[in-house]
N, C-alpha and C. Protein backbone atom coordinates (compact mmCIF):
# COMPACT_ATOMS: atom_id res chain seq x y z
N LEU A 1 18.66 -0.44 8.04
CA LEU A 1 19.22 -0.38 6.69
C LEU A 1 18.85 0.95 6.07
N LEU A 2 19.86 1.76 5.74
CA LEU A 2 19.64 3.07 5.14
C LEU A 2 20.23 3.07 3.75
N ILE A 3 19.37 3.27 2.74
CA ILE A 3 19.81 3.29 1.35
C ILE A 3 19.79 4.75 0.90
N ASN A 4 20.98 5.31 0.75
CA ASN A 4 21.14 6.74 0.51
C ASN A 4 21.98 6.93 -0.75
N GLY A 5 21.31 7.25 -1.86
CA GLY A 5 22.04 7.52 -3.08
C GLY A 5 22.63 6.30 -3.74
N GLY A 6 22.03 5.12 -3.55
CA GLY A 6 22.56 3.90 -4.14
C GLY A 6 21.47 2.86 -4.28
N ALA A 7 21.88 1.63 -4.57
CA ALA A 7 20.93 0.54 -4.81
C ALA A 7 21.35 -0.70 -4.05
N VAL A 8 20.36 -1.42 -3.53
CA VAL A 8 20.57 -2.70 -2.86
C VAL A 8 19.69 -3.72 -3.55
N ASN A 9 20.26 -4.89 -3.85
CA ASN A 9 19.50 -5.98 -4.47
C ASN A 9 19.55 -7.20 -3.56
N ILE A 10 18.38 -7.66 -3.12
CA ILE A 10 18.27 -8.90 -2.34
C ILE A 10 18.01 -10.02 -3.34
N ASN A 11 19.00 -10.88 -3.52
CA ASN A 11 18.93 -11.92 -4.55
C ASN A 11 19.42 -13.23 -3.94
N GLY A 12 18.48 -13.91 -3.28
CA GLY A 12 18.81 -15.17 -2.63
C GLY A 12 19.18 -14.96 -1.18
N GLY A 13 19.23 -16.06 -0.45
CA GLY A 13 19.59 -16.01 0.95
C GLY A 13 18.47 -15.46 1.81
N SER A 14 18.83 -15.07 3.02
CA SER A 14 17.86 -14.58 3.99
C SER A 14 18.36 -13.27 4.57
N MET A 15 17.52 -12.24 4.52
CA MET A 15 17.89 -10.93 5.05
C MET A 15 16.86 -10.49 6.06
N THR A 16 17.32 -10.27 7.30
CA THR A 16 16.47 -9.76 8.36
C THR A 16 17.06 -8.46 8.86
N VAL A 17 16.25 -7.40 8.84
CA VAL A 17 16.72 -6.06 9.19
C VAL A 17 16.02 -5.61 10.47
N THR A 18 16.81 -5.24 11.47
CA THR A 18 16.25 -4.62 12.67
C THR A 18 16.46 -3.11 12.61
N ASN A 19 15.65 -2.39 13.33
CA ASN A 19 15.65 -0.92 13.33
C ASN A 19 15.23 -0.33 11.99
N GLY A 20 14.56 -1.13 11.17
CA GLY A 20 13.88 -0.61 10.01
C GLY A 20 14.72 -0.48 8.76
N THR A 21 14.01 -0.30 7.64
CA THR A 21 14.62 -0.07 6.32
C THR A 21 14.13 1.27 5.81
N MET A 22 15.06 2.13 5.39
CA MET A 22 14.70 3.41 4.79
C MET A 22 15.28 3.46 3.39
N VAL A 23 14.40 3.58 2.40
CA VAL A 23 14.81 3.61 1.01
C VAL A 23 14.74 5.06 0.53
N GLY A 24 15.91 5.71 0.45
CA GLY A 24 15.98 7.11 0.05
C GLY A 24 16.07 8.03 1.26
N SER A 25 17.25 8.60 1.47
CA SER A 25 17.43 9.53 2.59
C SER A 25 18.57 10.47 2.24
N GLY A 26 18.24 11.67 1.81
CA GLY A 26 19.26 12.60 1.38
C GLY A 26 19.79 12.35 0.00
N GLY A 27 19.34 11.27 -0.62
CA GLY A 27 19.71 10.89 -1.98
C GLY A 27 18.78 9.81 -2.46
N ALA A 28 18.69 9.61 -3.77
CA ALA A 28 17.78 8.61 -4.33
C ALA A 28 18.23 7.21 -3.94
N GLY A 29 17.31 6.40 -3.44
CA GLY A 29 17.62 5.04 -3.05
C GLY A 29 16.71 4.04 -3.74
N THR A 30 17.27 2.87 -4.06
CA THR A 30 16.52 1.80 -4.72
C THR A 30 16.76 0.49 -4.01
N LEU A 31 15.68 -0.21 -3.67
CA LEU A 31 15.76 -1.55 -3.10
C LEU A 31 15.05 -2.50 -4.05
N SER A 32 15.78 -3.50 -4.56
CA SER A 32 15.22 -4.51 -5.44
C SER A 32 15.24 -5.85 -4.71
N TYR A 33 14.11 -6.51 -4.66
CA TYR A 33 13.97 -7.79 -3.97
C TYR A 33 13.64 -8.82 -5.04
N THR A 34 14.67 -9.61 -5.42
CA THR A 34 14.55 -10.53 -6.55
C THR A 34 14.22 -11.94 -6.11
N SER A 35 14.85 -12.41 -5.04
CA SER A 35 14.61 -13.76 -4.54
C SER A 35 15.13 -13.85 -3.12
N GLY A 36 14.88 -15.01 -2.46
CA GLY A 36 15.26 -15.19 -1.08
C GLY A 36 14.19 -14.69 -0.14
N SER A 37 14.56 -14.42 1.10
CA SER A 37 13.60 -13.93 2.09
C SER A 37 14.05 -12.57 2.62
N TYR A 38 13.06 -11.73 2.92
CA TYR A 38 13.34 -10.38 3.42
C TYR A 38 12.32 -10.04 4.49
N THR A 39 12.84 -9.70 5.68
CA THR A 39 12.00 -9.31 6.81
C THR A 39 12.61 -8.06 7.44
N THR A 40 11.75 -7.10 7.77
CA THR A 40 12.20 -5.90 8.47
C THR A 40 11.13 -5.49 9.47
N ASP A 41 11.50 -4.66 10.44
CA ASP A 41 10.53 -4.27 11.46
C ASP A 41 9.91 -2.90 11.20
N ALA A 42 10.29 -2.27 10.09
CA ALA A 42 9.67 -1.02 9.64
C ALA A 42 10.17 -0.72 8.24
N LEU A 43 9.39 0.03 7.49
CA LEU A 43 9.78 0.39 6.13
C LEU A 43 9.36 1.82 5.86
N ILE A 44 10.32 2.64 5.41
CA ILE A 44 10.05 4.02 5.01
C ILE A 44 10.56 4.19 3.58
N ILE A 45 9.69 4.72 2.71
CA ILE A 45 10.08 4.95 1.32
C ILE A 45 10.05 6.45 1.04
N GLY A 46 11.23 7.02 0.76
CA GLY A 46 11.36 8.46 0.57
C GLY A 46 11.46 9.16 1.91
N ASP A 47 12.25 10.26 1.93
CA ASP A 47 12.43 10.96 3.20
C ASP A 47 11.51 12.16 3.36
N GLY A 48 10.68 12.43 2.35
CA GLY A 48 9.74 13.54 2.47
C GLY A 48 10.38 14.90 2.31
N GLY A 49 11.65 14.93 1.87
CA GLY A 49 12.35 16.18 1.69
C GLY A 49 12.52 16.53 0.22
N ALA A 50 13.72 16.99 -0.10
CA ALA A 50 13.97 17.45 -1.47
C ALA A 50 14.61 16.38 -2.35
N THR A 51 15.48 15.54 -1.80
CA THR A 51 16.29 14.67 -2.65
C THR A 51 16.21 13.19 -2.30
N GLY A 52 15.68 12.85 -1.16
CA GLY A 52 15.71 11.46 -0.71
C GLY A 52 14.56 10.64 -1.24
N THR A 53 14.55 10.41 -2.54
CA THR A 53 13.48 9.66 -3.17
C THR A 53 13.72 8.16 -3.05
N GLY A 54 12.64 7.37 -3.06
CA GLY A 54 12.77 5.94 -2.83
C GLY A 54 11.92 5.09 -3.74
N THR A 55 12.49 3.94 -4.15
CA THR A 55 11.77 2.93 -4.94
C THR A 55 12.09 1.56 -4.39
N PHE A 56 11.07 0.79 -4.06
CA PHE A 56 11.21 -0.59 -3.59
C PHE A 56 10.43 -1.46 -4.56
N THR A 57 11.13 -2.38 -5.24
CA THR A 57 10.51 -3.22 -6.26
C THR A 57 10.71 -4.69 -5.94
N GLN A 58 9.61 -5.44 -5.94
CA GLN A 58 9.64 -6.88 -5.72
C GLN A 58 9.44 -7.63 -7.03
N SER A 59 10.11 -8.76 -7.13
CA SER A 59 9.89 -9.66 -8.25
C SER A 59 8.83 -10.70 -7.89
N ALA A 60 8.30 -11.38 -8.92
CA ALA A 60 7.30 -12.42 -8.71
C ALA A 60 7.87 -13.50 -7.81
N GLY A 61 7.05 -13.98 -6.89
CA GLY A 61 7.45 -15.05 -5.99
C GLY A 61 8.10 -14.60 -4.71
N THR A 62 8.38 -13.31 -4.57
CA THR A 62 8.99 -12.82 -3.33
C THR A 62 7.92 -12.56 -2.28
N ASN A 63 8.34 -12.55 -1.03
CA ASN A 63 7.41 -12.36 0.08
C ASN A 63 8.06 -11.44 1.11
N ALA A 64 7.75 -10.15 1.02
CA ALA A 64 8.30 -9.17 1.97
C ALA A 64 7.46 -9.18 3.24
N VAL A 65 8.13 -9.28 4.38
CA VAL A 65 7.45 -9.30 5.68
C VAL A 65 7.90 -8.07 6.45
N ILE A 66 6.94 -7.21 6.76
CA ILE A 66 7.23 -6.01 7.54
C ILE A 66 6.52 -6.14 8.88
N ASN A 67 7.30 -6.41 9.91
CA ASN A 67 6.74 -6.60 11.25
C ASN A 67 6.67 -5.25 11.97
N GLY A 68 5.90 -4.36 11.40
CA GLY A 68 5.79 -3.02 11.94
C GLY A 68 5.11 -2.13 10.92
N ALA A 69 5.39 -0.83 11.00
CA ALA A 69 4.69 0.15 10.17
C ALA A 69 5.42 0.40 8.86
N VAL A 70 4.65 0.88 7.88
CA VAL A 70 5.18 1.32 6.59
C VAL A 70 4.76 2.77 6.39
N THR A 71 5.72 3.62 5.97
CA THR A 71 5.42 5.00 5.62
C THR A 71 5.91 5.28 4.22
N ILE A 72 5.01 5.77 3.37
CA ILE A 72 5.37 6.19 2.02
C ILE A 72 5.19 7.70 1.96
N ASN A 73 6.31 8.40 1.85
CA ASN A 73 6.29 9.85 1.92
C ASN A 73 6.12 10.49 0.54
N GLN A 74 5.59 11.72 0.55
CA GLN A 74 5.69 12.61 -0.60
C GLN A 74 6.95 13.44 -0.46
N GLN A 75 7.64 13.66 -1.56
CA GLN A 75 8.73 14.64 -1.54
C GLN A 75 8.14 16.04 -1.59
N THR A 76 8.87 17.01 -1.09
CA THR A 76 8.30 18.36 -0.94
C THR A 76 8.67 19.31 -2.06
N THR A 77 9.82 19.12 -2.69
CA THR A 77 10.26 20.11 -3.67
C THR A 77 10.75 19.51 -4.98
N VAL A 78 10.52 18.24 -5.19
CA VAL A 78 11.01 17.61 -6.41
C VAL A 78 9.88 16.81 -7.05
N THR A 79 9.84 16.80 -8.37
CA THR A 79 8.84 16.03 -9.11
C THR A 79 9.27 14.58 -9.16
N THR A 80 8.60 13.74 -8.41
CA THR A 80 9.00 12.33 -8.35
C THR A 80 7.89 11.50 -7.72
N THR A 81 8.04 10.19 -7.84
CA THR A 81 7.14 9.24 -7.20
C THR A 81 7.94 8.33 -6.28
N ASN A 82 7.59 8.33 -5.01
CA ASN A 82 8.10 7.33 -4.07
C ASN A 82 7.16 6.14 -4.13
N VAL A 83 7.71 4.97 -4.48
CA VAL A 83 6.82 3.87 -4.85
C VAL A 83 7.29 2.53 -4.28
N TRP A 84 6.32 1.75 -3.84
CA TRP A 84 6.52 0.35 -3.50
C TRP A 84 5.85 -0.47 -4.58
N ASN A 85 6.67 -1.08 -5.44
CA ASN A 85 6.17 -1.94 -6.51
C ASN A 85 6.10 -3.37 -6.00
N ILE A 86 4.99 -3.72 -5.40
CA ILE A 86 4.80 -5.11 -4.98
C ILE A 86 4.65 -5.99 -6.21
N ASN A 87 4.02 -5.45 -7.23
CA ASN A 87 3.86 -6.11 -8.52
C ASN A 87 3.27 -7.51 -8.36
N ALA A 88 3.99 -8.56 -8.77
CA ALA A 88 3.47 -9.93 -8.66
C ALA A 88 4.00 -10.65 -7.43
N GLY A 89 4.57 -9.91 -6.51
CA GLY A 89 5.05 -10.49 -5.26
C GLY A 89 3.97 -10.47 -4.18
N THR A 90 4.40 -10.79 -2.97
CA THR A 90 3.51 -10.77 -1.81
C THR A 90 4.17 -9.92 -0.72
N ALA A 91 3.35 -9.14 -0.03
CA ALA A 91 3.85 -8.35 1.10
C ALA A 91 2.85 -8.45 2.24
N THR A 92 3.38 -8.64 3.44
CA THR A 92 2.55 -8.70 4.64
C THR A 92 3.06 -7.67 5.64
N VAL A 93 2.16 -6.77 6.04
CA VAL A 93 2.52 -5.67 6.93
C VAL A 93 1.69 -5.79 8.19
N SER A 94 2.35 -5.88 9.34
CA SER A 94 1.60 -6.04 10.59
C SER A 94 1.13 -4.70 11.14
N GLY A 95 1.84 -3.63 10.84
CA GLY A 95 1.50 -2.31 11.36
C GLY A 95 0.73 -1.47 10.37
N LEU A 96 0.58 -0.22 10.70
CA LEU A 96 -0.18 0.72 9.88
C LEU A 96 0.62 1.14 8.65
N ILE A 97 -0.03 1.16 7.50
CA ILE A 97 0.55 1.71 6.27
C ILE A 97 0.07 3.16 6.15
N THR A 98 1.01 4.10 6.13
CA THR A 98 0.68 5.52 6.08
C THR A 98 1.19 6.14 4.79
N PHE A 99 0.28 6.77 4.05
CA PHE A 99 0.66 7.62 2.93
C PHE A 99 0.76 9.03 3.49
N ALA A 100 2.00 9.51 3.65
CA ALA A 100 2.25 10.75 4.38
C ALA A 100 2.54 11.90 3.42
N GLY A 101 2.38 13.12 3.95
CA GLY A 101 2.71 14.32 3.20
C GLY A 101 1.47 15.13 2.88
N SER A 102 1.62 16.45 2.92
CA SER A 102 0.48 17.35 2.70
C SER A 102 0.64 18.21 1.44
N THR A 103 1.60 17.88 0.60
CA THR A 103 1.83 18.64 -0.63
C THR A 103 0.70 18.37 -1.61
N ILE A 104 0.16 19.42 -2.22
CA ILE A 104 -0.94 19.25 -3.18
C ILE A 104 -0.45 19.16 -4.62
N THR A 105 0.85 19.29 -4.84
CA THR A 105 1.40 19.21 -6.20
C THR A 105 1.20 17.80 -6.75
N PRO A 106 0.48 17.62 -7.86
CA PRO A 106 0.14 16.28 -8.33
C PRO A 106 1.30 15.48 -8.88
N SER A 107 2.46 16.10 -9.05
CA SER A 107 3.63 15.37 -9.54
C SER A 107 4.52 14.88 -8.39
N GLN A 108 4.12 15.11 -7.16
CA GLN A 108 4.84 14.63 -5.99
C GLN A 108 3.98 13.56 -5.33
N ILE A 109 4.32 12.30 -5.61
CA ILE A 109 3.39 11.19 -5.42
C ILE A 109 3.98 10.13 -4.49
N GLY A 110 3.11 9.52 -3.68
CA GLY A 110 3.40 8.30 -2.97
C GLY A 110 2.49 7.21 -3.50
N LYS A 111 3.05 6.02 -3.77
CA LYS A 111 2.26 5.02 -4.50
C LYS A 111 2.63 3.60 -4.07
N ILE A 112 1.62 2.73 -4.07
CA ILE A 112 1.80 1.28 -4.02
C ILE A 112 1.23 0.71 -5.30
N VAL A 113 1.99 -0.20 -5.94
CA VAL A 113 1.56 -0.85 -7.17
C VAL A 113 1.44 -2.35 -6.93
N ILE A 114 0.27 -2.90 -7.25
CA ILE A 114 0.03 -4.35 -7.17
C ILE A 114 -0.49 -4.79 -8.53
N THR A 115 0.22 -5.68 -9.21
CA THR A 115 -0.25 -6.17 -10.51
C THR A 115 -1.03 -7.47 -10.30
N THR A 116 -0.32 -8.58 -10.12
CA THR A 116 -0.99 -9.86 -9.85
C THR A 116 -0.60 -10.41 -8.48
N GLY A 117 0.02 -9.59 -7.67
CA GLY A 117 0.45 -10.02 -6.35
C GLY A 117 -0.56 -9.71 -5.26
N THR A 118 -0.10 -9.78 -4.01
CA THR A 118 -0.98 -9.63 -2.86
C THR A 118 -0.34 -8.75 -1.80
N LEU A 119 -1.11 -7.81 -1.29
CA LEU A 119 -0.73 -7.04 -0.11
C LEU A 119 -1.66 -7.40 1.03
N ASN A 120 -1.10 -7.93 2.11
CA ASN A 120 -1.85 -8.18 3.34
C ASN A 120 -1.58 -7.01 4.29
N ALA A 121 -2.52 -6.09 4.35
CA ALA A 121 -2.38 -4.89 5.19
C ALA A 121 -3.06 -5.17 6.52
N ASN A 122 -2.34 -5.78 7.44
CA ASN A 122 -2.95 -6.29 8.66
C ASN A 122 -3.12 -5.24 9.76
N GLY A 123 -2.57 -4.05 9.55
CA GLY A 123 -2.68 -3.00 10.55
C GLY A 123 -3.42 -1.77 10.08
N GLY A 124 -4.07 -1.88 8.92
CA GLY A 124 -4.83 -0.75 8.38
C GLY A 124 -4.01 0.11 7.44
N ILE A 125 -4.72 1.03 6.76
CA ILE A 125 -4.11 1.96 5.82
C ILE A 125 -4.69 3.33 6.10
N THR A 126 -3.81 4.34 6.13
CA THR A 126 -4.29 5.71 6.34
C THR A 126 -3.63 6.64 5.33
N PHE A 127 -4.39 7.64 4.90
CA PHE A 127 -3.92 8.64 3.95
C PHE A 127 -3.96 10.02 4.63
N THR A 128 -2.96 10.84 4.32
CA THR A 128 -2.95 12.22 4.78
C THR A 128 -3.60 13.09 3.72
N GLY A 129 -4.51 13.96 4.13
CA GLY A 129 -5.21 14.80 3.18
C GLY A 129 -4.30 15.79 2.48
N SER A 130 -4.41 15.88 1.17
CA SER A 130 -3.68 16.89 0.39
C SER A 130 -4.38 17.03 -0.96
N ALA A 131 -4.14 16.07 -1.85
CA ALA A 131 -4.82 16.01 -3.14
C ALA A 131 -4.92 14.55 -3.54
N ALA A 132 -6.05 14.16 -4.11
CA ALA A 132 -6.29 12.75 -4.41
C ALA A 132 -5.21 12.15 -5.29
N ALA A 133 -4.71 12.93 -6.24
CA ALA A 133 -3.75 12.42 -7.22
C ALA A 133 -2.36 12.19 -6.64
N THR A 134 -2.12 12.58 -5.39
CA THR A 134 -0.78 12.48 -4.83
C THR A 134 -0.53 11.20 -4.05
N LYS A 135 -1.56 10.43 -3.76
CA LYS A 135 -1.40 9.21 -2.97
C LYS A 135 -2.26 8.12 -3.62
N ILE A 136 -1.60 7.09 -4.13
CA ILE A 136 -2.25 6.17 -5.06
C ILE A 136 -2.00 4.72 -4.67
N ILE A 137 -3.06 3.90 -4.71
CA ILE A 137 -2.93 2.45 -4.76
C ILE A 137 -3.33 2.03 -6.17
N ASP A 138 -2.36 1.52 -6.92
CA ASP A 138 -2.56 1.20 -8.33
C ASP A 138 -2.65 -0.32 -8.49
N MET A 139 -3.85 -0.81 -8.80
CA MET A 139 -4.09 -2.24 -9.02
C MET A 139 -4.50 -2.50 -10.46
N SER A 140 -4.14 -1.60 -11.36
CA SER A 140 -4.62 -1.67 -12.74
C SER A 140 -3.94 -2.75 -13.57
N GLY A 141 -2.86 -3.35 -13.04
CA GLY A 141 -2.07 -4.26 -13.86
C GLY A 141 -2.53 -5.70 -13.90
N GLY A 142 -3.64 -6.05 -13.24
CA GLY A 142 -4.07 -7.45 -13.29
C GLY A 142 -4.93 -7.82 -12.11
N ALA A 143 -4.83 -9.11 -11.75
CA ALA A 143 -5.69 -9.68 -10.70
C ALA A 143 -5.04 -9.53 -9.34
N GLY A 144 -4.62 -8.34 -9.01
CA GLY A 144 -4.01 -8.09 -7.71
C GLY A 144 -5.02 -8.20 -6.58
N ILE A 145 -4.49 -8.48 -5.38
CA ILE A 145 -5.34 -8.66 -4.20
C ILE A 145 -4.82 -7.77 -3.08
N LEU A 146 -5.71 -7.04 -2.45
CA LEU A 146 -5.38 -6.30 -1.23
C LEU A 146 -6.32 -6.77 -0.14
N ASN A 147 -5.75 -7.38 0.90
CA ASN A 147 -6.50 -7.86 2.05
C ASN A 147 -6.29 -6.89 3.20
N LEU A 148 -7.37 -6.29 3.66
CA LEU A 148 -7.28 -5.24 4.68
C LEU A 148 -7.88 -5.70 6.00
N LYS A 149 -7.06 -5.59 7.07
CA LYS A 149 -7.55 -5.66 8.43
C LYS A 149 -7.41 -4.27 9.03
N GLY A 150 -8.22 -3.98 10.04
CA GLY A 150 -8.19 -2.65 10.61
C GLY A 150 -8.94 -1.66 9.74
N ALA A 151 -8.56 -0.39 9.86
CA ALA A 151 -9.33 0.68 9.24
C ALA A 151 -8.66 1.20 7.98
N LEU A 152 -9.50 1.62 7.04
CA LEU A 152 -9.08 2.42 5.89
C LEU A 152 -9.49 3.85 6.19
N THR A 153 -8.50 4.72 6.43
CA THR A 153 -8.76 6.10 6.82
C THR A 153 -8.48 7.00 5.63
N VAL A 154 -9.52 7.66 5.14
CA VAL A 154 -9.42 8.42 3.89
C VAL A 154 -10.06 9.81 4.08
N PRO A 155 -9.29 10.78 4.53
CA PRO A 155 -9.82 12.15 4.58
C PRO A 155 -10.16 12.65 3.19
N ALA A 156 -10.85 13.76 3.13
CA ALA A 156 -11.18 14.36 1.84
C ALA A 156 -9.90 14.72 1.10
N ALA A 157 -9.95 14.56 -0.23
CA ALA A 157 -8.82 14.92 -1.10
C ALA A 157 -7.52 14.28 -0.63
N SER A 158 -7.54 12.95 -0.50
CA SER A 158 -6.36 12.28 0.06
C SER A 158 -5.86 11.09 -0.74
N SER A 159 -6.68 10.50 -1.62
CA SER A 159 -6.34 9.16 -2.07
C SER A 159 -6.98 8.82 -3.41
N THR A 160 -6.29 7.93 -4.14
CA THR A 160 -6.82 7.40 -5.39
C THR A 160 -6.64 5.89 -5.41
N LEU A 161 -7.69 5.16 -5.77
CA LEU A 161 -7.62 3.73 -6.05
C LEU A 161 -7.79 3.56 -7.56
N ILE A 162 -6.81 2.90 -8.19
CA ILE A 162 -6.91 2.58 -9.61
C ILE A 162 -7.11 1.08 -9.71
N PRO A 163 -8.34 0.61 -9.89
CA PRO A 163 -8.58 -0.83 -9.91
C PRO A 163 -8.24 -1.45 -11.26
N GLY A 164 -7.95 -2.73 -11.25
CA GLY A 164 -7.82 -3.48 -12.48
C GLY A 164 -9.13 -4.16 -12.82
N THR A 165 -9.20 -4.71 -14.01
CA THR A 165 -10.44 -5.36 -14.44
C THR A 165 -10.64 -6.72 -13.79
N SER A 166 -9.69 -7.16 -12.97
CA SER A 166 -9.87 -8.39 -12.20
C SER A 166 -9.27 -8.26 -10.80
N SER A 167 -9.09 -7.04 -10.33
CA SER A 167 -8.49 -6.82 -9.01
C SER A 167 -9.51 -7.04 -7.90
N ASN A 168 -9.00 -7.37 -6.72
CA ASN A 168 -9.85 -7.68 -5.57
C ASN A 168 -9.39 -6.90 -4.34
N PHE A 169 -10.31 -6.15 -3.77
CA PHE A 169 -10.05 -5.42 -2.53
C PHE A 169 -10.93 -6.07 -1.47
N ASN A 170 -10.29 -6.64 -0.44
CA ASN A 170 -11.01 -7.44 0.54
C ASN A 170 -10.88 -6.89 1.95
N TYR A 171 -12.02 -6.76 2.64
CA TYR A 171 -12.05 -6.43 4.06
C TYR A 171 -12.15 -7.75 4.81
N VAL A 172 -11.11 -8.13 5.57
CA VAL A 172 -10.98 -9.50 6.05
C VAL A 172 -10.88 -9.62 7.57
N ASP A 173 -11.11 -8.55 8.29
CA ASP A 173 -10.89 -8.58 9.74
C ASP A 173 -11.95 -9.40 10.45
N ALA A 174 -11.56 -9.98 11.59
CA ALA A 174 -12.50 -10.67 12.48
C ALA A 174 -13.10 -9.67 13.45
N ALA A 175 -13.52 -8.55 12.92
CA ALA A 175 -14.09 -7.45 13.72
C ALA A 175 -14.85 -6.55 12.77
N THR A 176 -15.58 -5.60 13.34
CA THR A 176 -16.32 -4.66 12.51
C THR A 176 -15.34 -3.79 11.71
N GLN A 177 -15.73 -3.44 10.49
CA GLN A 177 -14.94 -2.56 9.63
C GLN A 177 -15.87 -1.63 8.86
N ALA A 178 -15.40 -0.43 8.61
CA ALA A 178 -16.11 0.51 7.75
C ALA A 178 -15.55 0.38 6.34
N VAL A 179 -16.45 0.17 5.38
CA VAL A 179 -16.06 0.11 3.97
C VAL A 179 -16.08 1.54 3.45
N ASN A 180 -14.93 2.16 3.44
CA ASN A 180 -14.84 3.58 3.11
C ASN A 180 -14.53 3.81 1.64
N LEU A 181 -14.74 5.05 1.22
CA LEU A 181 -14.52 5.43 -0.17
C LEU A 181 -13.16 6.11 -0.32
N PHE A 182 -12.51 5.82 -1.42
CA PHE A 182 -11.33 6.60 -1.80
C PHE A 182 -11.80 7.94 -2.34
N SER A 183 -10.91 8.92 -2.30
CA SER A 183 -11.27 10.23 -2.85
C SER A 183 -11.56 10.15 -4.34
N SER A 184 -10.86 9.23 -5.01
CA SER A 184 -11.06 9.00 -6.44
C SER A 184 -10.91 7.52 -6.71
N GLY A 185 -11.77 6.98 -7.57
CA GLY A 185 -11.68 5.57 -7.93
C GLY A 185 -12.63 4.70 -7.14
N ASN A 186 -13.12 3.64 -7.79
CA ASN A 186 -14.09 2.73 -7.19
C ASN A 186 -13.51 1.32 -7.06
N TYR A 187 -14.15 0.53 -6.20
CA TYR A 187 -13.79 -0.88 -6.09
C TYR A 187 -14.23 -1.62 -7.36
N TYR A 188 -13.41 -2.60 -7.79
CA TYR A 188 -13.83 -3.46 -8.90
C TYR A 188 -14.51 -4.70 -8.33
N ASN A 189 -13.74 -5.63 -7.76
CA ASN A 189 -14.31 -6.72 -6.98
C ASN A 189 -14.08 -6.41 -5.50
N LEU A 190 -15.15 -6.45 -4.72
CA LEU A 190 -15.05 -6.16 -3.29
C LEU A 190 -15.46 -7.39 -2.51
N GLY A 191 -14.57 -7.84 -1.60
CA GLY A 191 -14.86 -9.01 -0.79
C GLY A 191 -14.95 -8.67 0.68
N LEU A 192 -15.89 -9.29 1.37
CA LEU A 192 -16.07 -9.15 2.81
C LEU A 192 -15.95 -10.54 3.43
N SER A 193 -15.06 -10.68 4.43
CA SER A 193 -14.90 -11.99 5.06
C SER A 193 -14.47 -11.77 6.51
N GLY A 194 -14.07 -12.86 7.15
CA GLY A 194 -13.81 -12.78 8.58
C GLY A 194 -15.13 -12.80 9.32
N SER A 195 -15.34 -11.80 10.18
CA SER A 195 -16.59 -11.72 10.93
C SER A 195 -16.88 -10.26 11.24
N GLY A 196 -18.02 -10.03 11.85
CA GLY A 196 -18.40 -8.67 12.21
C GLY A 196 -19.11 -7.94 11.08
N ASN A 197 -19.68 -6.79 11.45
CA ASN A 197 -20.38 -5.98 10.47
C ASN A 197 -19.38 -5.20 9.61
N LYS A 198 -19.65 -5.17 8.31
CA LYS A 198 -18.88 -4.36 7.37
C LYS A 198 -19.85 -3.28 6.85
N THR A 199 -19.66 -2.08 7.36
CA THR A 199 -20.63 -1.01 7.13
C THR A 199 -20.18 -0.13 5.97
N PHE A 200 -21.05 -0.02 4.96
CA PHE A 200 -20.70 0.70 3.75
C PHE A 200 -20.92 2.19 3.91
N ALA A 201 -19.99 2.96 3.35
CA ALA A 201 -20.20 4.40 3.24
C ALA A 201 -21.29 4.67 2.22
N SER A 202 -21.92 5.82 2.33
CA SER A 202 -22.95 6.20 1.36
C SER A 202 -22.36 6.28 -0.04
N ASN A 203 -23.15 5.86 -1.01
CA ASN A 203 -22.78 5.98 -2.42
C ASN A 203 -21.55 5.16 -2.80
N THR A 204 -21.36 4.03 -2.13
CA THR A 204 -20.27 3.14 -2.51
C THR A 204 -20.56 2.51 -3.86
N THR A 205 -19.56 2.55 -4.75
CA THR A 205 -19.71 1.97 -6.08
C THR A 205 -18.79 0.77 -6.22
N ILE A 206 -19.36 -0.37 -6.61
CA ILE A 206 -18.62 -1.59 -6.91
C ILE A 206 -18.84 -1.88 -8.39
N THR A 207 -17.78 -1.88 -9.16
CA THR A 207 -17.92 -2.00 -10.61
C THR A 207 -18.32 -3.40 -11.05
N ASN A 208 -17.87 -4.43 -10.32
CA ASN A 208 -18.13 -5.79 -10.76
C ASN A 208 -18.86 -6.60 -9.69
N ASN A 209 -18.14 -7.32 -8.83
CA ASN A 209 -18.78 -8.25 -7.91
C ASN A 209 -18.57 -7.87 -6.44
N LEU A 210 -19.60 -8.15 -5.64
CA LEU A 210 -19.51 -8.11 -4.18
C LEU A 210 -19.67 -9.52 -3.67
N SER A 211 -18.73 -9.99 -2.85
CA SER A 211 -18.83 -11.31 -2.24
C SER A 211 -18.75 -11.18 -0.72
N VAL A 212 -19.56 -12.00 -0.02
CA VAL A 212 -19.60 -12.00 1.44
C VAL A 212 -19.39 -13.42 1.90
N ASN A 213 -18.37 -13.63 2.75
CA ASN A 213 -18.02 -14.96 3.20
C ASN A 213 -17.81 -14.97 4.71
N GLY A 214 -17.65 -16.17 5.26
CA GLY A 214 -17.48 -16.34 6.70
C GLY A 214 -18.73 -15.87 7.42
N THR A 215 -18.57 -15.20 8.55
CA THR A 215 -19.73 -14.68 9.28
C THR A 215 -19.81 -13.16 9.18
N ALA A 216 -19.12 -12.62 8.19
CA ALA A 216 -19.20 -11.18 7.94
C ALA A 216 -20.62 -10.81 7.52
N VAL A 217 -21.04 -9.59 7.91
CA VAL A 217 -22.36 -9.09 7.57
C VAL A 217 -22.19 -7.75 6.85
N ALA A 218 -22.78 -7.64 5.66
CA ALA A 218 -22.71 -6.42 4.89
C ALA A 218 -23.86 -5.51 5.30
N LEU A 219 -23.54 -4.32 5.80
CA LEU A 219 -24.55 -3.33 6.15
C LEU A 219 -24.51 -2.23 5.10
N LEU A 220 -25.50 -2.25 4.23
CA LEU A 220 -25.52 -1.34 3.09
C LEU A 220 -26.30 -0.08 3.41
């Protein structure tokens, strides 16, 4: 599914996309997921060029299933934000979520927004180094939840976490995980579950609560 210079609204029914979904390619694209079911085997937001900007917005109660990788690109020559607004919906990603692009211009942004919804990042999250303000996970809108399996890869000057006053960032893998730091921003509520050692980076700051469940072990 290629959305190029137009808008697609999923409103009821069942939509399954093979060979991936690309929101924005050579022109601004918008994908709105209002109701029904939506499954795809890959998701790309923005083409990383000059004009192919992308916005994917979910409504409350929706459940996006991505059976593969997600790439959120930075545009190279235009002031814009390529954004996945999970908001109060749910999204489950089996593959790696990549915030791509090396542009240091702070107005060229790749972003995921979670208000009161949930992102299950089952294949890890990685950021490309450029500038912290250009790649953002924004959880400031409420009690959003991010459940992470695999690795959080955060090079220097690559990423910003904007926590909410009741947001939860959880390391949930049944294996060892490194609790890494974002380039900017701290965890509000941090949860460790599943199993294995969860090894903290030096100078990790948790603003509110740390919880440890299952057979996970916190190595501080």
